Amino acid sequence: MLNMSMEEFKKSRLYQGIWEEGALSTKLRIVPLLLELGLTVEEIARRLELTVEQVQQAAQNNE
């Protein structure tokens, strides 16, 4: 892995997994803010491409 170029590394499963995990974490952290703005759970799920269950769980974790 040390001999990989940055482009090769970005195509690796390791990089992709880390990227996806970070993106999901970011989406879940902004759920409470969007709820405060008055968006519904369903609207948030649709806009952030999450399940309703993921949005509900993120909202509960913030209480």
PDB file of N, CA and C in Angstrom:
ATOM      1  N   MET A   1       0.822  -1.196   0.000  1.00  0.00           N
ATOM      2  CA  MET A   1       0.000   0.000   0.000  1.00  0.00           C
ATOM      3  C   MET A   1       0.865   1.258   0.000  1.00  0.00           C
ATOM      4  N   LEU A   2       2.077   1.161   0.544  1.00  0.00           N
ATOM      5  CA  LEU A   2       2.942   2.329   0.602  1.00  0.00           C
ATOM      6  C   LEU A   2       3.414   2.772  -0.771  1.00  0.00           C
ATOM      7  N   ASN A   3       3.372   1.886  -1.731  1.00  0.00           N
ATOM      8  CA  ASN A   3       3.809   2.226  -3.081  1.00  0.00           C
ATOM      9  C   ASN A   3       2.670   2.716  -3.965  1.00  0.00           C
ATOM     10  N   MET A   4       1.500   2.911  -3.404  1.00  0.00           N
ATOM     11  CA  MET A   4       0.339   3.356  -4.184  1.00  0.00           C
ATOM     12  C   MET A   4       0.388   4.859  -4.415  1.00  0.00           C
ATOM     13  N   SER A   5      -0.101   5.252  -5.555  1.00  0.00           N
ATOM     14  CA  SER A   5      -0.304   6.683  -5.786  1.00  0.00           C
ATOM     15  C   SER A   5      -1.586   7.089  -5.065  1.00  0.00           C
ATOM     16  N   MET A   6      -1.774   8.368  -4.920  1.00  0.00           N
ATOM     17  CA  MET A   6      -2.985   8.861  -4.256  1.00  0.00           C
ATOM     18  C   MET A   6      -4.231   8.425  -5.020  1.00  0.00           C
ATOM     19  N   GLU A   7      -4.176   8.455  -6.329  1.00  0.00           N
ATOM     20  CA  GLU A   7      -5.322   8.039  -7.144  1.00  0.00           C
ATOM     21  C   GLU A   7      -5.637   6.562  -6.926  1.00  0.00           C
ATOM     22  N   GLU A   8      -4.606   5.739  -6.855  1.00  0.00           N
ATOM     23  CA  GLU A   8      -4.816   4.309  -6.610  1.00  0.00           C
ATOM     24  C   GLU A   8      -5.401   4.086  -5.222  1.00  0.00           C
ATOM     25  N   PHE A   9      -4.895   4.834  -4.246  1.00  0.00           N
ATOM     26  CA  PHE A   9      -5.400   4.702  -2.883  1.00  0.00           C
ATOM     27  C   PHE A   9      -6.870   5.092  -2.800  1.00  0.00           C
ATOM     28  N   LYS A  10      -7.259   6.161  -3.489  1.00  0.00           N
ATOM     29  CA  LYS A  10      -8.649   6.608  -3.464  1.00  0.00           C
ATOM     30  C   LYS A  10      -9.596   5.576  -4.071  1.00  0.00           C
ATOM     31  N   LYS A  11      -9.076   4.701  -4.910  1.00  0.00           N
ATOM     32  CA  LYS A  11      -9.896   3.650  -5.507  1.00  0.00           C
ATOM     33  C   LYS A  11      -9.943   2.391  -4.644  1.00  0.00           C
ATOM     34  N   SER A  12      -9.162   2.353  -3.585  1.00  0.00           N
ATOM     35  CA  SER A  12      -9.084   1.148  -2.755  1.00  0.00           C
ATOM     36  C   SER A  12     -10.332   0.979  -1.893  1.00  0.00           C
ATOM     37  N   ARG A  13     -10.605  -0.259  -1.509  1.00  0.00           N
ATOM     38  CA  ARG A  13     -11.750  -0.535  -0.640  1.00  0.00           C
ATOM     39  C   ARG A  13     -11.584   0.143   0.711  1.00  0.00           C
ATOM     40  N   LEU A  14     -10.361   0.198   1.209  1.00  0.00           N
ATOM     41  CA  LEU A  14     -10.102   0.849   2.493  1.00  0.00           C
ATOM     42  C   LEU A  14     -10.527   2.312   2.442  1.00  0.00           C
ATOM     43  N   TYR A  15     -10.062   3.023   1.442  1.00  0.00           N
ATOM     44  CA  TYR A  15     -10.401   4.436   1.295  1.00  0.00           C
ATOM     45  C   TYR A  15     -11.904   4.615   1.118  1.00  0.00           C
ATOM     46  N   GLN A  16     -12.504   3.814   0.254  1.00  0.00           N
ATOM     47  CA  GLN A  16     -13.939   3.926  -0.004  1.00  0.00           C
ATOM     48  C   GLN A  16     -14.744   3.687   1.270  1.00  0.00           C
ATOM     49  N   GLY A  17     -14.341   2.691   2.054  1.00  0.00           N
ATOM     50  CA  GLY A  17     -15.039   2.402   3.303  1.00  0.00           C
ATOM     51  C   GLY A  17     -14.943   3.553   4.287  1.00  0.00           C
ATOM     52  N   ILE A  18     -13.755   4.119   4.407  1.00  0.00           N
ATOM     53  CA  ILE A  18     -13.562   5.256   5.307  1.00  0.00           C
ATOM     54  C   ILE A  18     -14.374   6.449   4.824  1.00  0.00           C
ATOM     55  N   TRP A  19     -14.366   6.690   3.530  1.00  0.00           N
ATOM     56  CA  TRP A  19     -15.112   7.812   2.949  1.00  0.00           C
ATOM     57  C   TRP A  19     -16.613   7.664   3.226  1.00  0.00           C
ATOM     58  N   GLU A  20     -17.146   6.481   2.982  1.00  0.00           N
ATOM     59  CA  GLU A  20     -18.577   6.248   3.186  1.00  0.00           C
ATOM     60  C   GLU A  20     -18.952   6.377   4.657  1.00  0.00           C
ATOM     61  N   GLU A  21     -18.104   5.869   5.540  1.00  0.00           N
ATOM     62  CA  GLU A  21     -18.373   5.966   6.974  1.00  0.00           C
ATOM     63  C   GLU A  21     -18.391   7.424   7.422  1.00  0.00           C
ATOM     64  N   GLY A  22     -17.459   8.209   6.912  1.00  0.00           N
ATOM     65  CA  GLY A  22     -17.416   9.628   7.249  1.00  0.00           C
ATOM     66  C   GLY A  22     -18.623  10.379   6.721  1.00  0.00           C
ATOM     67  N   ALA A  23     -19.045  10.047   5.524  1.00  0.00           N
ATOM     68  CA  ALA A  23     -20.216  10.704   4.934  1.00  0.00           C
ATOM     69  C   ALA A  23     -21.469  10.385   5.742  1.00  0.00           C
ATOM     70  N   LEU A  24     -21.627   9.132   6.141  1.00  0.00           N
ATOM     71  CA  LEU A  24     -22.789   8.737   6.938  1.00  0.00           C
ATOM     72  C   LEU A  24     -22.767   9.442   8.282  1.00  0.00           C
ATOM     73  N   SER A  25     -21.615   9.482   8.916  1.00  0.00           N
ATOM     74  CA  SER A  25     -21.483  10.145  10.210  1.00  0.00           C
ATOM     75  C   SER A  25     -21.874  11.616  10.116  1.00  0.00           C
ATOM     76  N   THR A  26     -21.446  12.281   9.074  1.00  0.00           N
ATOM     77  CA  THR A  26     -21.781  13.692   8.871  1.00  0.00           C
ATOM     78  C   THR A  26     -23.281  13.875   8.691  1.00  0.00           C
ATOM     79  N   LYS A  27     -23.891  13.032   7.891  1.00  0.00           N
ATOM     80  CA  LYS A  27     -25.336  13.117   7.675  1.00  0.00           C
ATOM     81  C   LYS A  27     -26.089  12.942   8.987  1.00  0.00           C
ATOM     82  N   LEU A  28     -25.682  11.970   9.783  1.00  0.00           N
ATOM     83  CA  LEU A  28     -26.377  11.697  11.038  1.00  0.00           C
ATOM     84  C   LEU A  28     -26.203  12.840  12.035  1.00  0.00           C
ATOM     85  N   ARG A  29     -25.074  13.519  12.004  1.00  0.00           N
ATOM     86  CA  ARG A  29     -24.843  14.640  12.920  1.00  0.00           C
ATOM     87  C   ARG A  29     -25.704  15.849  12.588  1.00  0.00           C
ATOM     88  N   ILE A  30     -26.081  16.020  11.324  1.00  0.00           N
ATOM     89  CA  ILE A  30     -26.884  17.200  10.983  1.00  0.00           C
ATOM     90  C   ILE A  30     -28.388  16.963  11.112  1.00  0.00           C
ATOM     91  N   VAL A  31     -28.789  15.721  11.358  1.00  0.00           N
ATOM     92  CA  VAL A  31     -30.224  15.422  11.508  1.00  0.00           C
ATOM     93  C   VAL A  31     -30.879  16.318  12.557  1.00  0.00           C
ATOM     94  N   PRO A  32     -30.334  16.443  13.777  1.00  0.00           N
ATOM     95  CA  PRO A  32     -30.992  17.298  14.775  1.00  0.00           C
ATOM     96  C   PRO A  32     -31.141  18.749  14.323  1.00  0.00           C
ATOM     97  N   LEU A  33     -30.170  19.257  13.602  1.00  0.00           N
ATOM     98  CA  LEU A  33     -30.258  20.636  13.109  1.00  0.00           C
ATOM     99  C   LEU A  33     -31.396  20.796  12.111  1.00  0.00           C
ATOM    100  N   LEU A  34     -31.553  19.817  11.246  1.00  0.00           N
ATOM    101  CA  LEU A  34     -32.629  19.872  10.256  1.00  0.00           C
ATOM    102  C   LEU A  34     -33.993  19.729  10.918  1.00  0.00           C
ATOM    103  N   LEU A  35     -34.065  18.925  11.958  1.00  0.00           N
ATOM    104  CA  LEU A  35     -35.320  18.808  12.706  1.00  0.00           C
ATOM    105  C   LEU A  35     -35.666  20.139  13.376  1.00  0.00           C
ATOM    106  N   GLU A  36     -34.652  20.814  13.918  1.00  0.00           N
ATOM    107  CA  GLU A  36     -34.877  22.129  14.533  1.00  0.00           C
ATOM    108  C   GLU A  36     -35.397  23.140  13.516  1.00  0.00           C
ATOM    109  N   LEU A  37     -34.995  22.981  12.273  1.00  0.00           N
ATOM    110  CA  LEU A  37     -35.457  23.886  11.215  1.00  0.00           C
ATOM    111  C   LEU A  37     -36.874  23.573  10.758  1.00  0.00           C
ATOM    112  N   GLY A  38     -37.417  22.458  11.259  1.00  0.00           N
ATOM    113  CA  GLY A  38     -38.795  22.126  10.946  1.00  0.00           C
ATOM    114  C   GLY A  38     -38.995  21.075   9.878  1.00  0.00           C
ATOM    115  N   LEU A  39     -37.927  20.484   9.377  1.00  0.00           N
ATOM    116  CA  LEU A  39     -38.089  19.410   8.396  1.00  0.00           C
ATOM    117  C   LEU A  39     -38.621  18.167   9.094  1.00  0.00           C
ATOM    118  N   THR A  40     -39.399  17.386   8.390  1.00  0.00           N
ATOM    119  CA  THR A  40     -39.911  16.143   8.954  1.00  0.00           C
ATOM    120  C   THR A  40     -38.861  15.045   8.808  1.00  0.00           C
ATOM    121  N   VAL A  41     -39.050  13.988   9.572  1.00  0.00           N
ATOM    122  CA  VAL A  41     -38.155  12.837   9.493  1.00  0.00           C
ATOM    123  C   VAL A  41     -38.115  12.305   8.067  1.00  0.00           C
ATOM    124  N   GLU A  42     -39.266  12.234   7.442  1.00  0.00           N
ATOM    125  CA  GLU A  42     -39.349  11.712   6.076  1.00  0.00           C
ATOM    126  C   GLU A  42     -38.614  12.609   5.081  1.00  0.00           C
ATOM    127  N   GLU A  43     -38.760  13.935   5.243  1.00  0.00           N
ATOM    128  CA  GLU A  43     -38.060  14.868   4.351  1.00  0.00           C
ATOM    129  C   GLU A  43     -36.546  14.735   4.495  1.00  0.00           C
ATOM    130  N   ILE A  44     -36.103  14.630   5.729  1.00  0.00           N
ATOM    131  CA  ILE A  44     -34.667  14.495   5.983  1.00  0.00           C
ATOM    132  C   ILE A  44     -34.149  13.206   5.375  1.00  0.00           C
ATOM    133  N   ALA A  45     -34.867  12.126   5.594  1.00  0.00           N
ATOM    134  CA  ALA A  45     -34.445  10.830   5.055  1.00  0.00           C
ATOM    135  C   ALA A  45     -34.323  10.894   3.538  1.00  0.00           C
ATOM    136  N   ARG A  46     -35.295  11.488   2.902  1.00  0.00           N
ATOM    137  CA  ARG A  46     -35.282  11.577   1.440  1.00  0.00           C
ATOM    138  C   ARG A  46     -34.115  12.441   0.949  1.00  0.00           C
ATOM    139  N   ARG A  47     -33.938  13.605   1.555  1.00  0.00           N
ATOM    140  CA  ARG A  47     -32.900  14.540   1.100  1.00  0.00           C
ATOM    141  C   ARG A  47     -31.485  14.025   1.354  1.00  0.00           C
ATOM    142  N   LEU A  48     -31.303  13.333   2.488  1.00  0.00           N
ATOM    143  CA  LEU A  48     -29.960  12.852   2.834  1.00  0.00           C
ATOM    144  C   LEU A  48     -29.712  11.417   2.381  1.00  0.00           C
ATOM    145  N   GLU A  49     -30.706  10.836   1.728  1.00  0.00           N
ATOM    146  CA  GLU A  49     -30.606   9.452   1.253  1.00  0.00           C
ATOM    147  C   GLU A  49     -30.311   8.495   2.408  1.00  0.00           C
ATOM    148  N   LEU A  50     -31.097   8.656   3.487  1.00  0.00           N
ATOM    149  CA  LEU A  50     -31.039   7.787   4.654  1.00  0.00           C
ATOM    150  C   LEU A  50     -32.379   7.091   4.787  1.00  0.00           C
ATOM    151  N   THR A  51     -32.432   6.082   5.630  1.00  0.00           N
ATOM    152  CA  THR A  51     -33.721   5.471   5.927  1.00  0.00           C
ATOM    153  C   THR A  51     -34.403   6.283   7.021  1.00  0.00           C
ATOM    154  N   VAL A  52     -35.709   6.154   7.103  1.00  0.00           N
ATOM    155  CA  VAL A  52     -36.458   6.819   8.167  1.00  0.00           C
ATOM    156  C   VAL A  52     -35.939   6.341   9.518  1.00  0.00           C
ATOM    157  N   GLU A  53     -35.611   5.067   9.614  1.00  0.00           N
ATOM    158  CA  GLU A  53     -35.106   4.503  10.865  1.00  0.00           C
ATOM    159  C   GLU A  53     -33.778   5.144  11.265  1.00  0.00           C
ATOM    160  N   GLN A  54     -32.901   5.383  10.307  1.00  0.00           N
ATOM    161  CA  GLN A  54     -31.616   6.030  10.613  1.00  0.00           C
ATOM    162  C   GLN A  54     -31.841   7.445  11.140  1.00  0.00           C
ATOM    163  N   VAL A  55     -32.773   8.161  10.543  1.00  0.00           N
ATOM    164  CA  VAL A  55     -33.062   9.527  10.973  1.00  0.00           C
ATOM    165  C   VAL A  55     -33.669   9.515  12.370  1.00  0.00           C
ATOM    166  N   GLN A  56     -34.600   8.618  12.613  1.00  0.00           N
ATOM    167  CA  GLN A  56     -35.216   8.524  13.934  1.00  0.00           C
ATOM    168  C   GLN A  56     -34.180   8.191  14.999  1.00  0.00           C
ATOM    169  N   GLN A  57     -33.283   7.270  14.696  1.00  0.00           N
ATOM    170  CA  GLN A  57     -32.237   6.886  15.643  1.00  0.00           C
ATOM    171  C   GLN A  57     -31.313   8.068  15.930  1.00  0.00           C
ATOM    172  N   ALA A  58     -30.945   8.809  14.908  1.00  0.00           N
ATOM    173  CA  ALA A  58     -30.076   9.974  15.096  1.00  0.00           C
ATOM    174  C   ALA A  58     -30.772  11.024  15.957  1.00  0.00           C
ATOM    175  N   ALA A  59     -32.066  11.192  15.758  1.00  0.00           N
ATOM    176  CA  ALA A  59     -32.829  12.150  16.555  1.00  0.00           C
ATOM    177  C   ALA A  59     -32.885  11.709  18.012  1.00  0.00           C
ATOM    178  N   GLN A  60     -33.083  10.431  18.255  1.00  0.00           N
ATOM    179  CA  GLN A  60     -33.142   9.907  19.624  1.00  0.00           C
ATOM    180  C   GLN A  60     -31.792  10.018  20.316  1.00  0.00           C
ATOM    181  N   ASN A  61     -30.723   9.779  19.586  1.00  0.00           N
ATOM    182  CA  ASN A  61     -29.381   9.853  20.170  1.00  0.00           C
ATOM    183  C   ASN A  61     -29.023  11.267  20.591  1.00  0.00           C
ATOM    184  N   ASN A  62     -29.701  12.242  20.029  1.00  0.00           N
ATOM    185  CA  ASN A  62     -29.407  13.637  20.335  1.00  0.00           C
ATOM    186  C   ASN A  62     -30.197  14.152  21.535  1.00  0.00           C
ATOM    187  N   GLU A  63     -31.200  13.423  21.949  1.00  0.00           N
ATOM    188  CA  GLU A  63     -32.057  13.896  23.053  1.00  0.00           C
ATOM    189  C   GLU A  63     -31.356  13.824  24.376  1.00  0.00           C
TER     190      GLU A  63
END
